[in-house]
Structures are given as structure tokens and as C-alpha cells.
Amino acid sequence: MKILIVSQTEKTAKAICDLVKKANSEACPFFCFSEAIARGMVLDEYYDLVIINSPLLDTNGFDLAHMIATTTQTQVLIIVKEEYFQFATTELQPVGVLAITKPIIFQYFEQMLYLTNFIKLKTDSLKRENFKLQNKLEEARIITKAKCLLVRTRNCSEEEAHHLLEKSAMNNRLSLKEVAMALLRRES
């Protein structure tokens, strides 16, 4: 798990790193100490999780958390003082940012790491499923277009057009989509 820890000082970043490694020995934390640098790092490279220890040197970190959550696929966990927790959850939870209060209790921190990992796995699974469905829709669109072309040019029914495409696919050992695409290329 590739993790970016954004904190005000190296000392606090290392303390958070120790907690991360205690909870997940496979984690690979990177550090930075300002919002400006963190923005660049997140936009240049993919991280599974960004942990923001609020406040930062140049800001409170809320804008950074919001930007990461809304523009990347990275999970975000923000660590805030107790008096800012309600504000953090009200403002950031709707965009998918998780918040935890200081002082950090290891058990809660560990649960948050498990939760962010679960969310990432679930999101990745949904993305794969979405990709498959998009491909199926694209395939159906191409096949339908080819069938419409056959109905217009050969004066056949939709069922006959589908049968012609299937027969050509079987004879040429191609998928229905490949046959439909070839037909559309030939006829256009």
C-alpha cells in the first residue's frame, strides 16, 4: 500500500508512519510537509492513501483533502483536533474523506486504515464492473448499428440481420462485435 503522509513536521510524520507500519507492515509511506508540495505529489503520482495531519505549515489541510478526494481515486484520511472534527466530517465526509481526532488512539487509527483499504478494494471492484458494462454497452451499440445497416441495405428483418452477423462470425471465427465493426467500416 502506497501512502503519502502530509504533516507539519518530520517528527509527527514519522510518528504517524510508525502507526501505519504497526497496523500494516506492507505499507510504503512517503512524507511531505506542505499543502503545495502534497498537491504536486498527488497529481504526479498515484497513492492508495493520503493521511493529512491537520494543521499543515501553510493551511489547515481541508482544501487539500477535498481536492484529493474529488480529483483523484486516492483515499483520504485527515487527522484533526477534536474541536474541528464536526466541521471536518460535515465538510469532507460527503466527498469521501474520513476523519479521526487527535490524540490518535491506535485501535481507531488501525480501524480507519482497514476501512480505507476496504473502500479502495470495493471501489476498484466497482470500477472493473463498470468497465465491463461499458464495454458490453459499446458492443451492443456497434452490433445494433450493423443490424440497422443490414436492415436498410438488404431489406431484411432485425432477426435476419442478427442471424447474418452470427453466421459470418461463426464462419470467420470472429466475435459478433468484430464482424459488426468490419461491416460498418466496409459500408461507410
C-alpha atoms as a PDB file:
ATOM      1  CA  MET A   1       0.000   0.000   0.000  1.00  0.00           C
ATOM      2  CA  LYS A   2       1.492   3.318  -1.119  1.00  0.00           C
ATOM      3  CA  ILE A   3       0.779   6.050   1.420  1.00  0.00           C
ATOM      4  CA  LEU A   4       1.576   9.761   1.495  1.00  0.00           C
ATOM      5  CA  ILE A   5       1.740  11.350   4.942  1.00  0.00           C
ATOM      6  CA  VAL A   6       1.328  15.133   4.922  1.00  0.00           C
ATOM      7  CA  SER A   7       2.290  16.688   8.234  1.00  0.00           C
ATOM      8  CA  GLN A   8       3.686  19.900   9.688  1.00  0.00           C
ATOM      9  CA  THR A   9       6.908  18.349  10.989  1.00  0.00           C
ATOM     10  CA  GLU A  10       9.101  15.369  10.282  1.00  0.00           C
ATOM     11  CA  LYS A  11       8.678  14.207  13.880  1.00  0.00           C
ATOM     12  CA  THR A  12       4.880  13.914  13.613  1.00  0.00           C
ATOM     13  CA  ALA A  13       5.147  12.397  10.140  1.00  0.00           C
ATOM     14  CA  LYS A  14       7.462   9.694  11.493  1.00  0.00           C
ATOM     15  CA  ALA A  15       5.124   9.051  14.443  1.00  0.00           C
ATOM     16  CA  ILE A  16       2.221   8.548  12.014  1.00  0.00           C
ATOM     17  CA  CYS A  17       4.471   6.395   9.835  1.00  0.00           C
ATOM     18  CA  ASP A  18       5.204   4.173  12.840  1.00  0.00           C
ATOM     19  CA  LEU A  19       1.460   3.773  13.450  1.00  0.00           C
ATOM     20  CA  VAL A  20       0.894   2.927   9.787  1.00  0.00           C
ATOM     21  CA  LYS A  21       3.657   0.331   9.775  1.00  0.00           C
ATOM     22  CA  LYS A  22       2.390  -1.164  13.042  1.00  0.00           C
ATOM     23  CA  ALA A  23      -1.081  -1.530  11.509  1.00  0.00           C
ATOM     24  CA  ASN A  24       0.105  -2.613   8.059  1.00  0.00           C
ATOM     25  CA  SER A  25       3.674  -3.828   7.693  1.00  0.00           C
ATOM     26  CA  GLU A  26       3.369  -3.801   3.878  1.00  0.00           C
ATOM     27  CA  ALA A  27       2.701  -0.061   3.766  1.00  0.00           C
ATOM     28  CA  CYS A  28       5.184   2.176   1.969  1.00  0.00           C
ATOM     29  CA  PRO A  29       4.839   5.703   3.407  1.00  0.00           C
ATOM     30  CA  PHE A  30       6.213   8.865   1.803  1.00  0.00           C
ATOM     31  CA  PHE A  31       6.324  12.246   3.559  1.00  0.00           C
ATOM     32  CA  CYS A  32       5.828  15.885   2.737  1.00  0.00           C
ATOM     33  CA  PHE A  33       5.342  18.936   4.912  1.00  0.00           C
ATOM     34  CA  SER A  34       3.204  21.433   2.997  1.00  0.00           C
ATOM     35  CA  GLU A  35      -0.025  21.516   1.037  1.00  0.00           C
ATOM     36  CA  ALA A  36       1.675  22.909  -2.063  1.00  0.00           C
ATOM     37  CA  ILE A  37       4.162  20.034  -2.252  1.00  0.00           C
ATOM     38  CA  ALA A  38       1.453  17.479  -1.439  1.00  0.00           C
ATOM     39  CA  ARG A  39      -0.732  18.759  -4.297  1.00  0.00           C
ATOM     40  CA  GLY A  40       2.107  18.289  -6.751  1.00  0.00           C
ATOM     41  CA  MET A  41       2.969  14.831  -5.445  1.00  0.00           C
ATOM     42  CA  VAL A  42      -0.647  13.633  -5.614  1.00  0.00           C
ATOM     43  CA  LEU A  43      -1.134  14.975  -9.138  1.00  0.00           C
ATOM     44  CA  ASP A  44       2.172  13.488 -10.351  1.00  0.00           C
ATOM     45  CA  GLU A  45       1.895  10.051  -8.788  1.00  0.00           C
ATOM     46  CA  TYR A  46      -0.761   7.617  -7.538  1.00  0.00           C
ATOM     47  CA  TYR A  47      -1.112   6.908  -3.813  1.00  0.00           C
ATOM     48  CA  ASP A  48      -3.527   4.416  -2.270  1.00  0.00           C
ATOM     49  CA  LEU A  49      -3.994   6.668   0.743  1.00  0.00           C
ATOM     50  CA  VAL A  50      -3.089  10.200   1.776  1.00  0.00           C
ATOM     51  CA  ILE A  51      -3.020  10.885   5.516  1.00  0.00           C
ATOM     52  CA  ILE A  52      -3.203  14.588   6.345  1.00  0.00           C
ATOM     53  CA  ASN A  53      -2.208  15.651   9.853  1.00  0.00           C
ATOM     54  CA  SER A  54      -4.028  18.963  10.242  1.00  0.00           C
ATOM     55  CA  PRO A  55      -2.980  21.762  10.504  1.00  0.00           C
ATOM     56  CA  LEU A  56      -0.151  21.978   7.992  1.00  0.00           C
ATOM     57  CA  LEU A  57       2.503  24.692   7.754  1.00  0.00           C
ATOM     58  CA  ASP A  58       0.649  26.644   5.075  1.00  0.00           C
ATOM     59  CA  THR A  59      -3.026  25.705   5.654  1.00  0.00           C
ATOM     60  CA  ASN A  60      -5.434  23.617   7.723  1.00  0.00           C
ATOM     61  CA  GLY A  61      -5.361  20.784   5.152  1.00  0.00           C
ATOM     62  CA  PHE A  62      -9.121  20.716   4.495  1.00  0.00           C
ATOM     63  CA  ASP A  63      -8.815  22.135   0.970  1.00  0.00           C
ATOM     64  CA  LEU A  64      -6.093  19.606   0.191  1.00  0.00           C
ATOM     65  CA  ALA A  65      -8.256  16.737   1.462  1.00  0.00           C
ATOM     66  CA  HIS A  66     -11.196  17.981  -0.619  1.00  0.00           C
ATOM     67  CA  MET A  67      -9.062  18.395  -3.758  1.00  0.00           C
ATOM     68  CA  ILE A  68      -7.557  14.900  -3.476  1.00  0.00           C
ATOM     69  CA  ALA A  69     -10.933  13.261  -2.811  1.00  0.00           C
ATOM     70  CA  THR A  70     -12.668  14.992  -5.718  1.00  0.00           C
ATOM     71  CA  THR A  71      -9.964  14.864  -8.392  1.00  0.00           C
ATOM     72  CA  THR A  72      -8.202  11.531  -7.805  1.00  0.00           C
ATOM     73  CA  GLN A  73      -9.020   7.932  -6.909  1.00  0.00           C
ATOM     74  CA  THR A  74      -6.950   8.194  -3.722  1.00  0.00           C
ATOM     75  CA  GLN A  75      -8.465   7.546  -0.293  1.00  0.00           C
ATOM     76  CA  VAL A  76      -8.008  10.405   2.191  1.00  0.00           C
ATOM     77  CA  LEU A  77      -7.785  10.303   5.984  1.00  0.00           C
ATOM     78  CA  ILE A  78      -7.478  13.603   7.842  1.00  0.00           C
ATOM     79  CA  ILE A  79      -6.323  13.820  11.453  1.00  0.00           C
ATOM     80  CA  VAL A  80      -7.821  16.845  13.222  1.00  0.00           C
ATOM     81  CA  LYS A  81      -8.068  18.382  16.672  1.00  0.00           C
ATOM     82  CA  GLU A  82     -11.274  17.377  18.412  1.00  0.00           C
ATOM     83  CA  GLU A  83     -12.809  20.854  18.079  1.00  0.00           C
ATOM     84  CA  TYR A  84     -12.545  20.612  14.248  1.00  0.00           C
ATOM     85  CA  PHE A  85     -13.867  17.064  13.930  1.00  0.00           C
ATOM     86  CA  GLN A  86     -17.519  18.055  13.396  1.00  0.00           C
ATOM     87  CA  PHE A  87     -16.544  20.615  10.766  1.00  0.00           C
ATOM     88  CA  ALA A  88     -14.239  18.109   9.041  1.00  0.00           C
ATOM     89  CA  THR A  89     -16.924  15.432   8.857  1.00  0.00           C
ATOM     90  CA  THR A  90     -19.626  17.884   7.751  1.00  0.00           C
ATOM     91  CA  GLU A  91     -17.471  19.400   5.011  1.00  0.00           C
ATOM     92  CA  LEU A  92     -15.355  16.455   3.907  1.00  0.00           C
ATOM     93  CA  GLN A  93     -17.346  13.284   4.523  1.00  0.00           C
ATOM     94  CA  PRO A  94     -19.703  13.978   1.565  1.00  0.00           C
ATOM     95  CA  VAL A  95     -16.706  13.779  -0.807  1.00  0.00           C
ATOM     96  CA  GLY A  96     -15.363  10.599   0.807  1.00  0.00           C
ATOM     97  CA  VAL A  97     -12.774  11.899   3.265  1.00  0.00           C
ATOM     98  CA  LEU A  98     -12.525  10.048   6.571  1.00  0.00           C
ATOM     99  CA  ALA A  99     -11.607  11.966   9.731  1.00  0.00           C
ATOM    100  CA  ILE A 100     -10.088  10.927  13.041  1.00  0.00           C
ATOM    101  CA  THR A 101      -9.310  13.056  16.089  1.00  0.00           C
ATOM    102  CA  LYS A 102      -6.125  13.764  17.991  1.00  0.00           C
ATOM    103  CA  PRO A 103      -4.703  12.333  20.138  1.00  0.00           C
ATOM    104  CA  ILE A 104      -4.647   9.250  17.959  1.00  0.00           C
ATOM    105  CA  ILE A 105      -5.791   6.045  19.611  1.00  0.00           C
ATOM    106  CA  PHE A 106      -4.040   3.228  17.772  1.00  0.00           C
ATOM    107  CA  GLN A 107      -7.077   0.929  17.728  1.00  0.00           C
ATOM    108  CA  TYR A 108      -9.210   3.597  15.983  1.00  0.00           C
ATOM    109  CA  PHE A 109      -6.399   4.514  13.627  1.00  0.00           C
ATOM    110  CA  GLU A 110      -5.931   0.870  12.666  1.00  0.00           C
ATOM    111  CA  GLN A 111      -9.675   0.526  12.047  1.00  0.00           C
ATOM    112  CA  MET A 112      -9.580   3.606   9.816  1.00  0.00           C
ATOM    113  CA  LEU A 113      -6.728   2.088   7.797  1.00  0.00           C
ATOM    114  CA  TYR A 114      -8.703  -1.135   7.383  1.00  0.00           C
ATOM    115  CA  LEU A 115     -11.749   0.889   6.385  1.00  0.00           C
ATOM    116  CA  THR A 116      -9.836   2.900   3.777  1.00  0.00           C
ATOM    117  CA  ASN A 117      -8.380  -0.320   2.376  1.00  0.00           C
ATOM    118  CA  PHE A 118     -11.857  -1.904   2.221  1.00  0.00           C
ATOM    119  CA  ILE A 119     -13.257   1.178   0.465  1.00  0.00           C
ATOM    120  CA  LYS A 120     -10.402   1.069  -2.049  1.00  0.00           C
ATOM    121  CA  LEU A 121     -10.959  -2.634  -2.778  1.00  0.00           C
ATOM    122  CA  LYS A 122     -14.712  -2.116  -3.157  1.00  0.00           C
ATOM    123  CA  THR A 123     -14.199   0.932  -5.385  1.00  0.00           C
ATOM    124  CA  ASP A 124     -11.708  -0.952  -7.565  1.00  0.00           C
ATOM    125  CA  SER A 125     -14.191  -3.821  -7.898  1.00  0.00           C
ATOM    126  CA  LEU A 126     -16.962  -1.417  -8.902  1.00  0.00           C
ATOM    127  CA  LYS A 127     -14.657   0.262 -11.432  1.00  0.00           C
ATOM    128  CA  ARG A 128     -13.859  -3.095 -13.035  1.00  0.00           C
ATOM    129  CA  GLU A 129     -17.557  -3.975 -13.171  1.00  0.00           C
ATOM    130  CA  ASN A 130     -18.365  -0.555 -14.637  1.00  0.00           C
ATOM    131  CA  PHE A 131     -15.649  -1.019 -17.275  1.00  0.00           C
ATOM    132  CA  LYS A 132     -17.114  -4.417 -18.260  1.00  0.00           C
ATOM    133  CA  LEU A 133     -20.610  -2.952 -18.513  1.00  0.00           C
ATOM    134  CA  GLN A 134     -19.361  -0.017 -20.595  1.00  0.00           C
ATOM    135  CA  ASN A 135     -17.688  -2.472 -22.981  1.00  0.00           C
ATOM    136  CA  LYS A 136     -20.882  -4.537 -23.244  1.00  0.00           C
ATOM    137  CA  LEU A 137     -22.907  -1.403 -23.976  1.00  0.00           C
ATOM    138  CA  GLU A 138     -20.404  -0.333 -26.625  1.00  0.00           C
ATOM    139  CA  GLU A 139     -20.539  -3.805 -28.177  1.00  0.00           C
ATOM    140  CA  ALA A 140     -24.363  -3.766 -28.191  1.00  0.00           C
ATOM    141  CA  ARG A 141     -24.335  -0.306 -29.794  1.00  0.00           C
ATOM    142  CA  ILE A 142     -21.981  -1.440 -32.582  1.00  0.00           C
ATOM    143  CA  ILE A 143     -23.962  -4.629 -33.244  1.00  0.00           C
ATOM    144  CA  THR A 144     -27.253  -2.706 -33.297  1.00  0.00           C
ATOM    145  CA  LYS A 145     -25.786  -0.189 -35.732  1.00  0.00           C
ATOM    146  CA  ALA A 146     -24.617  -3.026 -38.003  1.00  0.00           C
ATOM    147  CA  LYS A 147     -28.035  -4.708 -37.825  1.00  0.00           C
ATOM    148  CA  CYS A 148     -29.746  -1.421 -38.751  1.00  0.00           C
ATOM    149  CA  LEU A 149     -27.401  -1.099 -41.707  1.00  0.00           C
ATOM    150  CA  LEU A 150     -28.268  -4.637 -42.867  1.00  0.00           C
ATOM    151  CA  VAL A 151     -31.998  -3.981 -42.429  1.00  0.00           C
ATOM    152  CA  ARG A 152     -31.712  -0.858 -44.614  1.00  0.00           C
ATOM    153  CA  THR A 153     -29.379  -2.217 -47.295  1.00  0.00           C
ATOM    154  CA  ARG A 154     -30.612  -5.810 -47.571  1.00  0.00           C
ATOM    155  CA  ASN A 155     -34.278  -5.318 -46.811  1.00  0.00           C
ATOM    156  CA  CYS A 156     -34.254  -7.959 -44.084  1.00  0.00           C
ATOM    157  CA  SER A 157     -35.761  -8.098 -40.608  1.00  0.00           C
ATOM    158  CA  GLU A 158     -33.745  -7.371 -37.478  1.00  0.00           C
ATOM    159  CA  GLU A 159     -33.798 -11.087 -36.648  1.00  0.00           C
ATOM    160  CA  GLU A 160     -32.436 -11.965 -40.103  1.00  0.00           C
ATOM    161  CA  ALA A 161     -29.760  -9.276 -39.786  1.00  0.00           C
ATOM    162  CA  HIS A 162     -28.712 -10.724 -36.432  1.00  0.00           C
ATOM    163  CA  HIS A 163     -28.584 -14.208 -37.951  1.00  0.00           C
ATOM    164  CA  LEU A 164     -26.410 -12.927 -40.825  1.00  0.00           C
ATOM    165  CA  LEU A 165     -23.970 -11.362 -38.364  1.00  0.00           C
ATOM    166  CA  GLU A 166     -23.868 -14.543 -36.244  1.00  0.00           C
ATOM    167  CA  LYS A 167     -23.313 -16.722 -39.305  1.00  0.00           C
ATOM    168  CA  SER A 168     -20.478 -14.514 -40.534  1.00  0.00           C
ATOM    169  CA  ALA A 169     -18.921 -14.514 -37.052  1.00  0.00           C
ATOM    170  CA  MET A 170     -19.023 -18.322 -36.865  1.00  0.00           C
ATOM    171  CA  ASN A 171     -17.706 -18.821 -40.406  1.00  0.00           C
ATOM    172  CA  ASN A 172     -14.822 -16.398 -39.891  1.00  0.00           C
ATOM    173  CA  ARG A 173     -14.131 -17.348 -36.257  1.00  0.00           C
ATOM    174  CA  LEU A 174     -14.621 -13.774 -35.123  1.00  0.00           C
ATOM    175  CA  SER A 175     -16.709 -12.188 -32.412  1.00  0.00           C
ATOM    176  CA  LEU A 176     -20.050 -10.641 -33.271  1.00  0.00           C
ATOM    177  CA  LYS A 177     -18.565  -7.226 -32.468  1.00  0.00           C
ATOM    178  CA  GLU A 178     -15.615  -7.745 -34.851  1.00  0.00           C
ATOM    179  CA  VAL A 179     -17.958  -8.746 -37.685  1.00  0.00           C
ATOM    180  CA  ALA A 180     -20.221  -5.766 -36.983  1.00  0.00           C
ATOM    181  CA  MET A 181     -17.243  -3.375 -36.954  1.00  0.00           C
ATOM    182  CA  ALA A 182     -15.920  -4.804 -40.228  1.00  0.00           C
ATOM    183  CA  LEU A 183     -19.354  -4.403 -41.829  1.00  0.00           C
ATOM    184  CA  LEU A 184     -19.645  -0.815 -40.640  1.00  0.00           C
ATOM    185  CA  ARG A 185     -16.152   0.003 -41.962  1.00  0.00           C
ATOM    186  CA  ARG A 186     -16.938  -1.564 -45.348  1.00  0.00           C
ATOM    187  CA  GLU A 187     -20.263   0.172 -45.747  1.00  0.00           C
ATOM    188  CA  SER A 188     -19.221   3.652 -44.642  1.00  0.00           C
END
